[in-house]
Amino acid sequence: MQENNLDSEFNKAFKKASNIESKLPPDVMLRLYAYYKQAVKGDQFSTYNDKGLRNAFKFNAWIQLKGMSPKQAKKEYIKLVNSIIDEID
């Protein structure tokens, strides 16, 4: 998949994910968050400031993807969003 095409597909997947009305399981939400953050920020982890348990889970999910390329994270995000959409339909 070419870079421009990948970015386009990633943006489409983000829009689809943003429009999902059904409540997703917490583990799926964490994976969506982590893949998205890794796709747009890579390993540029901001310092974790204790802002509650929810943010700790989100940060932990993201940091587990350390070393994954943004390109691969975009592909995984697209794949996950499409699998969610397929289950809903």
PDB file of N, CA and C in Angstrom:
ATOM      1  N   MET A   1       0.855  -1.174   0.000  1.00  0.00           N
ATOM      2  CA  MET A   1       0.000   0.000   0.000  1.00  0.00           C
ATOM      3  C   MET A   1       0.903   1.240   0.000  1.00  0.00           C
ATOM      4  N   GLN A   2       0.690   2.117  -0.941  1.00  0.00           N
ATOM      5  CA  GLN A   2       1.496   3.329  -1.020  1.00  0.00           C
ATOM      6  C   GLN A   2       1.167   4.254   0.145  1.00  0.00           C
ATOM      7  N   GLU A   3       2.144   5.119   0.493  1.00  0.00           N
ATOM      8  CA  GLU A   3       2.006   5.998   1.659  1.00  0.00           C
ATOM      9  C   GLU A   3       0.776   6.895   1.582  1.00  0.00           C
ATOM     10  N   ASN A   4       0.544   7.559   0.437  1.00  0.00           N
ATOM     11  CA  ASN A   4      -0.620   8.438   0.308  1.00  0.00           C
ATOM     12  C   ASN A   4      -1.922   7.660   0.423  1.00  0.00           C
ATOM     13  N   ASN A   5      -1.952   6.481  -0.200  1.00  0.00           N
ATOM     14  CA  ASN A   5      -3.130   5.629  -0.124  1.00  0.00           C
ATOM     15  C   ASN A   5      -3.341   5.154   1.318  1.00  0.00           C
ATOM     16  N   LEU A   6      -2.250   4.816   2.000  1.00  0.00           N
ATOM     17  CA  LEU A   6      -2.345   4.367   3.390  1.00  0.00           C
ATOM     18  C   LEU A   6      -2.902   5.485   4.263  1.00  0.00           C
ATOM     19  N   ASP A   7      -2.404   6.700   4.073  1.00  0.00           N
ATOM     20  CA  ASP A   7      -2.906   7.838   4.848  1.00  0.00           C
ATOM     21  C   ASP A   7      -4.382   8.075   4.577  1.00  0.00           C
ATOM     22  N   SER A   8      -4.789   7.952   3.332  1.00  0.00           N
ATOM     23  CA  SER A   8      -6.192   8.125   2.962  1.00  0.00           C
ATOM     24  C   SER A   8      -7.061   7.064   3.631  1.00  0.00           C
ATOM     25  N   GLU A   9      -6.622   5.809   3.575  1.00  0.00           N
ATOM     26  CA  GLU A   9      -7.368   4.714   4.203  1.00  0.00           C
ATOM     27  C   GLU A   9      -7.413   4.884   5.720  1.00  0.00           C
ATOM     28  N   PHE A  10      -6.321   5.351   6.303  1.00  0.00           N
ATOM     29  CA  PHE A  10      -6.255   5.593   7.742  1.00  0.00           C
ATOM     30  C   PHE A  10      -7.264   6.684   8.135  1.00  0.00           C
ATOM     31  N   ASN A  11      -7.302   7.754   7.374  1.00  0.00           N
ATOM     32  CA  ASN A  11      -8.252   8.836   7.659  1.00  0.00           C
ATOM     33  C   ASN A  11      -9.694   8.373   7.508  1.00  0.00           C
ATOM     34  N   LYS A  12      -9.963   7.549   6.505  1.00  0.00           N
ATOM     35  CA  LYS A  12     -11.311   6.989   6.334  1.00  0.00           C
ATOM     36  C   LYS A  12     -11.677   6.110   7.529  1.00  0.00           C
ATOM     37  N   ALA A  13     -10.720   5.295   7.965  1.00  0.00           N
ATOM     38  CA  ALA A  13     -10.963   4.409   9.102  1.00  0.00           C
ATOM     39  C   ALA A  13     -11.225   5.225  10.366  1.00  0.00           C
ATOM     40  N   PHE A  14     -10.487   6.317  10.540  1.00  0.00           N
ATOM     41  CA  PHE A  14     -10.703   7.180  11.702  1.00  0.00           C
ATOM     42  C   PHE A  14     -12.120   7.761  11.684  1.00  0.00           C
ATOM     43  N   LYS A  15     -12.563   8.199  10.522  1.00  0.00           N
ATOM     44  CA  LYS A  15     -13.923   8.746  10.407  1.00  0.00           C
ATOM     45  C   LYS A  15     -14.967   7.669  10.716  1.00  0.00           C
ATOM     46  N   LYS A  16     -14.741   6.457  10.203  1.00  0.00           N
ATOM     47  CA  LYS A  16     -15.664   5.360  10.493  1.00  0.00           C
ATOM     48  C   LYS A  16     -15.712   5.087  11.991  1.00  0.00           C
ATOM     49  N   ALA A  17     -14.534   5.016  12.603  1.00  0.00           N
ATOM     50  CA  ALA A  17     -14.461   4.719  14.037  1.00  0.00           C
ATOM     51  C   ALA A  17     -15.131   5.815  14.852  1.00  0.00           C
ATOM     52  N   SER A  18     -14.966   7.040  14.433  1.00  0.00           N
ATOM     53  CA  SER A  18     -15.559   8.176  15.148  1.00  0.00           C
ATOM     54  C   SER A  18     -17.079   8.166  15.068  1.00  0.00           C
ATOM     55  N   ASN A  19     -17.625   7.510  14.058  1.00  0.00           N
ATOM     56  CA  ASN A  19     -19.078   7.477  13.857  1.00  0.00           C
ATOM     57  C   ASN A  19     -19.747   6.206  14.373  1.00  0.00           C
ATOM     58  N   ILE A  20     -18.977   5.339  15.000  1.00  0.00           N
ATOM     59  CA  ILE A  20     -19.568   4.122  15.563  1.00  0.00           C
ATOM     60  C   ILE A  20     -20.428   4.521  16.749  1.00  0.00           C
ATOM     61  N   GLU A  21     -21.683   4.158  16.686  1.00  0.00           N
ATOM     62  CA  GLU A  21     -22.615   4.548  17.740  1.00  0.00           C
ATOM     63  C   GLU A  21     -22.741   3.493  18.834  1.00  0.00           C
ATOM     64  N   SER A  22     -22.462   2.250  18.504  1.00  0.00           N
ATOM     65  CA  SER A  22     -22.597   1.205  19.510  1.00  0.00           C
ATOM     66  C   SER A  22     -21.423   1.266  20.490  1.00  0.00           C
ATOM     67  N   LYS A  23     -21.680   0.812  21.699  1.00  0.00           N
ATOM     68  CA  LYS A  23     -20.660   0.817  22.742  1.00  0.00           C
ATOM     69  C   LYS A  23     -19.702  -0.345  22.497  1.00  0.00           C
ATOM     70  N   LEU A  24     -18.420  -0.017  22.411  1.00  0.00           N
ATOM     71  CA  LEU A  24     -17.395  -1.031  22.158  1.00  0.00           C
ATOM     72  C   LEU A  24     -16.811  -1.514  23.481  1.00  0.00           C
ATOM     73  N   PRO A  25     -16.362  -2.771  23.527  1.00  0.00           N
ATOM     74  CA  PRO A  25     -15.725  -3.274  24.740  1.00  0.00           C
ATOM     75  C   PRO A  25     -14.462  -2.451  25.065  1.00  0.00           C
ATOM     76  N   PRO A  26     -14.144  -2.311  26.344  1.00  0.00           N
ATOM     77  CA  PRO A  26     -12.982  -1.516  26.739  1.00  0.00           C
ATOM     78  C   PRO A  26     -11.669  -1.950  26.093  1.00  0.00           C
ATOM     79  N   ASP A  27     -11.464  -3.260  25.913  1.00  0.00           N
ATOM     80  CA  ASP A  27     -10.206  -3.714  25.314  1.00  0.00           C
ATOM     81  C   ASP A  27     -10.097  -3.270  23.852  1.00  0.00           C
ATOM     82  N   VAL A  28     -11.206  -3.228  23.152  1.00  0.00           N
ATOM     83  CA  VAL A  28     -11.208  -2.781  21.758  1.00  0.00           C
ATOM     84  C   VAL A  28     -10.936  -1.277  21.702  1.00  0.00           C
ATOM     85  N   MET A  29     -11.567  -0.539  22.604  1.00  0.00           N
ATOM     86  CA  MET A  29     -11.323   0.911  22.671  1.00  0.00           C
ATOM     87  C   MET A  29      -9.847   1.202  22.945  1.00  0.00           C
ATOM     88  N   LEU A  30      -9.243   0.436  23.833  1.00  0.00           N
ATOM     89  CA  LEU A  30      -7.824   0.632  24.145  1.00  0.00           C
ATOM     90  C   LEU A  30      -6.943   0.327  22.937  1.00  0.00           C
ATOM     91  N   ARG A  31      -7.279  -0.730  22.206  1.00  0.00           N
ATOM     92  CA  ARG A  31      -6.486  -1.050  21.011  1.00  0.00           C
ATOM     93  C   ARG A  31      -6.627   0.029  19.955  1.00  0.00           C
ATOM     94  N   LEU A  32      -7.848   0.534  19.756  1.00  0.00           N
ATOM     95  CA  LEU A  32      -8.046   1.633  18.808  1.00  0.00           C
ATOM     96  C   LEU A  32      -7.198   2.838  19.213  1.00  0.00           C
ATOM     97  N   TYR A  33      -7.250   3.187  20.480  1.00  0.00           N
ATOM     98  CA  TYR A  33      -6.482   4.322  20.990  1.00  0.00           C
ATOM     99  C   TYR A  33      -4.987   4.105  20.765  1.00  0.00           C
ATOM    100  N   ALA A  34      -4.500   2.939  21.142  1.00  0.00           N
ATOM    101  CA  ALA A  34      -3.064   2.668  21.055  1.00  0.00           C
ATOM    102  C   ALA A  34      -2.572   2.684  19.608  1.00  0.00           C
ATOM    103  N   TYR A  35      -3.291   2.029  18.710  1.00  0.00           N
ATOM    104  CA  TYR A  35      -2.883   2.034  17.300  1.00  0.00           C
ATOM    105  C   TYR A  35      -2.909   3.454  16.733  1.00  0.00           C
ATOM    106  N   TYR A  36      -3.934   4.209  17.103  1.00  0.00           N
ATOM    107  CA  TYR A  36      -4.024   5.581  16.603  1.00  0.00           C
ATOM    108  C   TYR A  36      -2.839   6.405  17.098  1.00  0.00           C
ATOM    109  N   LYS A  37      -2.563   6.348  18.385  1.00  0.00           N
ATOM    110  CA  LYS A  37      -1.456   7.126  18.941  1.00  0.00           C
ATOM    111  C   LYS A  37      -0.126   6.705  18.326  1.00  0.00           C
ATOM    112  N   GLN A  38       0.076   5.410  18.153  1.00  0.00           N
ATOM    113  CA  GLN A  38       1.330   4.936  17.560  1.00  0.00           C
ATOM    114  C   GLN A  38       1.423   5.371  16.104  1.00  0.00           C
ATOM    115  N   ALA A  39       0.294   5.399  15.417  1.00  0.00           N
ATOM    116  CA  ALA A  39       0.276   5.813  14.013  1.00  0.00           C
ATOM    117  C   ALA A  39       0.625   7.286  13.844  1.00  0.00           C
ATOM    118  N   VAL A  40       0.154   8.123  14.744  1.00  0.00           N
ATOM    119  CA  VAL A  40       0.377   9.561  14.581  1.00  0.00           C
ATOM    120  C   VAL A  40       1.569  10.093  15.369  1.00  0.00           C
ATOM    121  N   LYS A  41       1.980   9.399  16.430  1.00  0.00           N
ATOM    122  CA  LYS A  41       3.094   9.889  17.251  1.00  0.00           C
ATOM    123  C   LYS A  41       4.278   8.946  17.301  1.00  0.00           C
ATOM    124  N   GLY A  42       4.083   7.688  16.930  1.00  0.00           N
ATOM    125  CA  GLY A  42       5.178   6.730  17.018  1.00  0.00           C
ATOM    126  C   GLY A  42       5.598   6.535  18.467  1.00  0.00           C
ATOM    127  N   ASP A  43       6.895   6.394  18.680  1.00  0.00           N
ATOM    128  CA  ASP A  43       7.417   6.160  20.023  1.00  0.00           C
ATOM    129  C   ASP A  43       7.684   7.457  20.786  1.00  0.00           C
ATOM    130  N   GLN A  44       7.074   8.538  20.379  1.00  0.00           N
ATOM    131  CA  GLN A  44       7.254   9.816  21.064  1.00  0.00           C
ATOM    132  C   GLN A  44       6.274   9.901  22.235  1.00  0.00           C
ATOM    133  N   PHE A  45       6.519   9.078  23.227  1.00  0.00           N
ATOM    134  CA  PHE A  45       5.628   9.010  24.380  1.00  0.00           C
ATOM    135  C   PHE A  45       5.781  10.268  25.223  1.00  0.00           C
ATOM    136  N   SER A  46       4.666  10.896  25.509  1.00  0.00           N
ATOM    137  CA  SER A  46       4.720  12.026  26.425  1.00  0.00           C
ATOM    138  C   SER A  46       4.822  11.448  27.838  1.00  0.00           C
ATOM    139  N   THR A  47       5.399  12.189  28.714  1.00  0.00           N
ATOM    140  CA  THR A  47       5.550  11.729  30.084  1.00  0.00           C
ATOM    141  C   THR A  47       4.176  11.490  30.683  1.00  0.00           C
ATOM    142  N   TYR A  48       4.023  10.355  31.310  1.00  0.00           N
ATOM    143  CA  TYR A  48       2.744  10.028  31.928  1.00  0.00           C
ATOM    144  C   TYR A  48       2.612  10.818  33.224  1.00  0.00           C
ATOM    145  N   ASN A  49       1.588  11.603  33.299  1.00  0.00           N
ATOM    146  CA  ASN A  49       1.245  12.318  34.536  1.00  0.00           C
ATOM    147  C   ASN A  49       0.012  11.646  35.095  1.00  0.00           C
ATOM    148  N   ASP A  50       0.047  11.270  36.335  1.00  0.00           N
ATOM    149  CA  ASP A  50      -1.052  10.543  36.951  1.00  0.00           C
ATOM    150  C   ASP A  50      -2.346  11.341  36.852  1.00  0.00           C
ATOM    151  N   LYS A  51      -3.139  11.032  35.832  1.00  0.00           N
ATOM    152  CA  LYS A  51      -4.417  11.710  35.613  1.00  0.00           C
ATOM    153  C   LYS A  51      -5.562  10.721  35.708  1.00  0.00           C
ATOM    154  N   GLY A  52      -5.393   9.722  36.521  1.00  0.00           N
ATOM    155  CA  GLY A  52      -6.467   8.769  36.724  1.00  0.00           C
ATOM    156  C   GLY A  52      -6.192   7.422  36.096  1.00  0.00           C
ATOM    157  N   LEU A  53      -6.974   6.475  36.541  1.00  0.00           N
ATOM    158  CA  LEU A  53      -6.810   5.086  36.114  1.00  0.00           C
ATOM    159  C   LEU A  53      -7.061   4.904  34.617  1.00  0.00           C
ATOM    160  N   ARG A  54      -8.068   5.572  34.090  1.00  0.00           N
ATOM    161  CA  ARG A  54      -8.388   5.436  32.665  1.00  0.00           C
ATOM    162  C   ARG A  54      -7.197   5.846  31.798  1.00  0.00           C
ATOM    163  N   ASN A  55      -6.586   6.982  32.118  1.00  0.00           N
ATOM    164  CA  ASN A  55      -5.428   7.436  31.348  1.00  0.00           C
ATOM    165  C   ASN A  55      -4.233   6.510  31.515  1.00  0.00           C
ATOM    166  N   ALA A  56      -4.112   5.890  32.675  1.00  0.00           N
ATOM    167  CA  ALA A  56      -3.032   4.928  32.888  1.00  0.00           C
ATOM    168  C   ALA A  56      -3.202   3.726  31.962  1.00  0.00           C
ATOM    169  N   PHE A  57      -4.427   3.235  31.831  1.00  0.00           N
ATOM    170  CA  PHE A  57      -4.701   2.119  30.918  1.00  0.00           C
ATOM    171  C   PHE A  57      -4.414   2.516  29.468  1.00  0.00           C
ATOM    172  N   LYS A  58      -4.822   3.725  29.092  1.00  0.00           N
ATOM    173  CA  LYS A  58      -4.583   4.187  27.723  1.00  0.00           C
ATOM    174  C   LYS A  58      -3.090   4.293  27.439  1.00  0.00           C
ATOM    175  N   PHE A  59      -2.346   4.884  28.363  1.00  0.00           N
ATOM    176  CA  PHE A  59      -0.904   5.033  28.183  1.00  0.00           C
ATOM    177  C   PHE A  59      -0.233   3.664  28.105  1.00  0.00           C
ATOM    178  N   ASN A  60      -0.651   2.741  28.966  1.00  0.00           N
ATOM    179  CA  ASN A  60      -0.077   1.397  28.963  1.00  0.00           C
ATOM    180  C   ASN A  60      -0.341   0.681  27.636  1.00  0.00           C
ATOM    181  N   ALA A  61      -1.545   0.831  27.113  1.00  0.00           N
ATOM    182  CA  ALA A  61      -1.875   0.196  25.827  1.00  0.00           C
ATOM    183  C   ALA A  61      -0.991   0.742  24.718  1.00  0.00           C
ATOM    184  N   TRP A  62      -0.763   2.046  24.744  1.00  0.00           N
ATOM    185  CA  TRP A  62       0.078   2.674  23.718  1.00  0.00           C
ATOM    186  C   TRP A  62       1.535   2.250  23.854  1.00  0.00           C
ATOM    187  N   ILE A  63       2.052   2.272  25.063  1.00  0.00           N
ATOM    188  CA  ILE A  63       3.473   1.973  25.257  1.00  0.00           C
ATOM    189  C   ILE A  63       3.788   0.513  24.900  1.00  0.00           C
ATOM    190  N   GLN A  64       2.789  -0.349  24.957  1.00  0.00           N
ATOM    191  CA  GLN A  64       3.000  -1.750  24.562  1.00  0.00           C
ATOM    192  C   GLN A  64       3.306  -1.882  23.075  1.00  0.00           C
ATOM    193  N   LEU A  65       2.989  -0.860  22.298  1.00  0.00           N
ATOM    194  CA  LEU A  65       3.258  -0.886  20.854  1.00  0.00           C
ATOM    195  C   LEU A  65       4.630  -0.282  20.519  1.00  0.00           C
ATOM    196  N   LYS A  66       5.411   0.031  21.537  1.00  0.00           N
ATOM    197  CA  LYS A  66       6.729   0.623  21.324  1.00  0.00           C
ATOM    198  C   LYS A  66       7.511  -0.195  20.297  1.00  0.00           C
ATOM    199  N   GLY A  67       8.070   0.499  19.334  1.00  0.00           N
ATOM    200  CA  GLY A  67       8.845  -0.159  18.291  1.00  0.00           C
ATOM    201  C   GLY A  67       8.049  -0.444  17.025  1.00  0.00           C
ATOM    202  N   MET A  68       6.728  -0.417  17.116  1.00  0.00           N
ATOM    203  CA  MET A  68       5.905  -0.614  15.919  1.00  0.00           C
ATOM    204  C   MET A  68       5.989   0.657  15.078  1.00  0.00           C
ATOM    205  N   SER A  69       6.203   0.497  13.800  1.00  0.00           N
ATOM    206  CA  SER A  69       6.301   1.665  12.921  1.00  0.00           C
ATOM    207  C   SER A  69       4.928   2.320  12.784  1.00  0.00           C
ATOM    208  N   PRO A  70       4.909   3.630  12.589  1.00  0.00           N
ATOM    209  CA  PRO A  70       3.627   4.297  12.351  1.00  0.00           C
ATOM    210  C   PRO A  70       2.874   3.690  11.164  1.00  0.00           C
ATOM    211  N   LYS A  71       3.600   3.281  10.143  1.00  0.00           N
ATOM    212  CA  LYS A  71       2.976   2.667   8.971  1.00  0.00           C
ATOM    213  C   LYS A  71       2.255   1.370   9.365  1.00  0.00           C
ATOM    214  N   GLN A  72       2.906   0.535  10.153  1.00  0.00           N
ATOM    215  CA  GLN A  72       2.293  -0.717  10.589  1.00  0.00           C
ATOM    216  C   GLN A  72       1.110  -0.435  11.516  1.00  0.00           C
ATOM    217  N   ALA A  73       1.249   0.577  12.381  1.00  0.00           N
ATOM    218  CA  ALA A  73       0.151   0.931  13.282  1.00  0.00           C
ATOM    219  C   ALA A  73      -1.076   1.391  12.489  1.00  0.00           C
ATOM    220  N   LYS A  74      -0.855   2.134  11.416  1.00  0.00           N
ATOM    221  CA  LYS A  74      -1.966   2.562  10.569  1.00  0.00           C
ATOM    222  C   LYS A  74      -2.660   1.347   9.962  1.00  0.00           C
ATOM    223  N   LYS A  75      -1.873   0.394   9.480  1.00  0.00           N
ATOM    224  CA  LYS A  75      -2.452  -0.814   8.883  1.00  0.00           C
ATOM    225  C   LYS A  75      -3.274  -1.591   9.909  1.00  0.00           C
ATOM    226  N   GLU A  76      -2.744  -1.715  11.132  1.00  0.00           N
ATOM    227  CA  GLU A  76      -3.454  -2.443  12.180  1.00  0.00           C
ATOM    228  C   GLU A  76      -4.724  -1.709  12.596  1.00  0.00           C
ATOM    229  N   TYR A  77      -4.656  -0.389  12.641  1.00  0.00           N
ATOM    230  CA  TYR A  77      -5.831   0.424  12.979  1.00  0.00           C
ATOM    231  C   TYR A  77      -6.926   0.222  11.934  1.00  0.00           C
ATOM    232  N   ILE A  78      -6.551   0.301  10.670  1.00  0.00           N
ATOM    233  CA  ILE A  78      -7.513   0.105   9.573  1.00  0.00           C
ATOM    234  C   ILE A  78      -8.140  -1.287   9.666  1.00  0.00           C
ATOM    235  N   LYS A  79      -7.315  -2.285   9.881  1.00  0.00           N
ATOM    236  CA  LYS A  79      -7.797  -3.671   9.985  1.00  0.00           C
ATOM    237  C   LYS A  79      -8.777  -3.811  11.151  1.00  0.00           C
ATOM    238  N   LEU A  80      -8.443  -3.218  12.304  1.00  0.00           N
ATOM    239  CA  LEU A  80      -9.314  -3.307  13.476  1.00  0.00           C
ATOM    240  C   LEU A  80     -10.638  -2.595  13.233  1.00  0.00           C
ATOM    241  N   VAL A  81     -10.595  -1.397  12.692  1.00  0.00           N
ATOM    242  CA  VAL A  81     -11.834  -0.653  12.415  1.00  0.00           C
ATOM    243  C   VAL A  81     -12.711  -1.438  11.446  1.00  0.00           C
ATOM    244  N   ASN A  82     -12.119  -1.973  10.398  1.00  0.00           N
ATOM    245  CA  ASN A  82     -12.905  -2.738   9.427  1.00  0.00           C
ATOM    246  C   ASN A  82     -13.519  -3.983  10.058  1.00  0.00           C
ATOM    247  N   SER A  83     -12.807  -4.634  10.965  1.00  0.00           N
ATOM    248  CA  SER A  83     -13.369  -5.817  11.627  1.00  0.00           C
ATOM    249  C   SER A  83     -14.528  -5.425  12.535  1.00  0.00           C
ATOM    250  N   ILE A  84     -14.426  -4.266  13.179  1.00  0.00           N
ATOM    251  CA  ILE A  84     -15.517  -3.785  14.029  1.00  0.00           C
ATOM    252  C   ILE A  84     -16.740  -3.473  13.178  1.00  0.00           C
ATOM    253  N   ILE A  85     -16.527  -2.774  12.078  1.00  0.00           N
ATOM    254  CA  ILE A  85     -17.627  -2.415  11.172  1.00  0.00           C
ATOM    255  C   ILE A  85     -18.300  -3.683  10.622  1.00  0.00           C
ATOM    256  N   ASP A  86     -17.489  -4.685  10.266  1.00  0.00           N
ATOM    257  CA  ASP A  86     -18.051  -5.938   9.768  1.00  0.00           C
ATOM    258  C   ASP A  86     -18.918  -6.621  10.814  1.00  0.00           C
ATOM    259  N   GLU A  87     -18.507  -6.574  12.091  1.00  0.00           N
ATOM    260  CA  GLU A  87     -19.281  -7.209  13.158  1.00  0.00           C
ATOM    261  C   GLU A  87     -20.593  -6.469  13.390  1.00  0.00           C
ATOM    262  N   ILE A  88     -20.555  -5.154  13.267  1.00  0.00           N
ATOM    263  CA  ILE A  88     -21.757  -4.352  13.514  1.00  0.00           C
ATOM    264  C   ILE A  88     -22.788  -4.550  12.411  1.00  0.00           C
ATOM    265  N   ASP A  89     -22.307  -4.625  11.164  1.00  0.00           N
ATOM    266  CA  ASP A  89     -23.226  -4.759  10.010  1.00  0.00           C
ATOM    267  C   ASP A  89     -23.874  -6.105   9.926  1.00  0.00           C
TER     268      ASP A  89
END
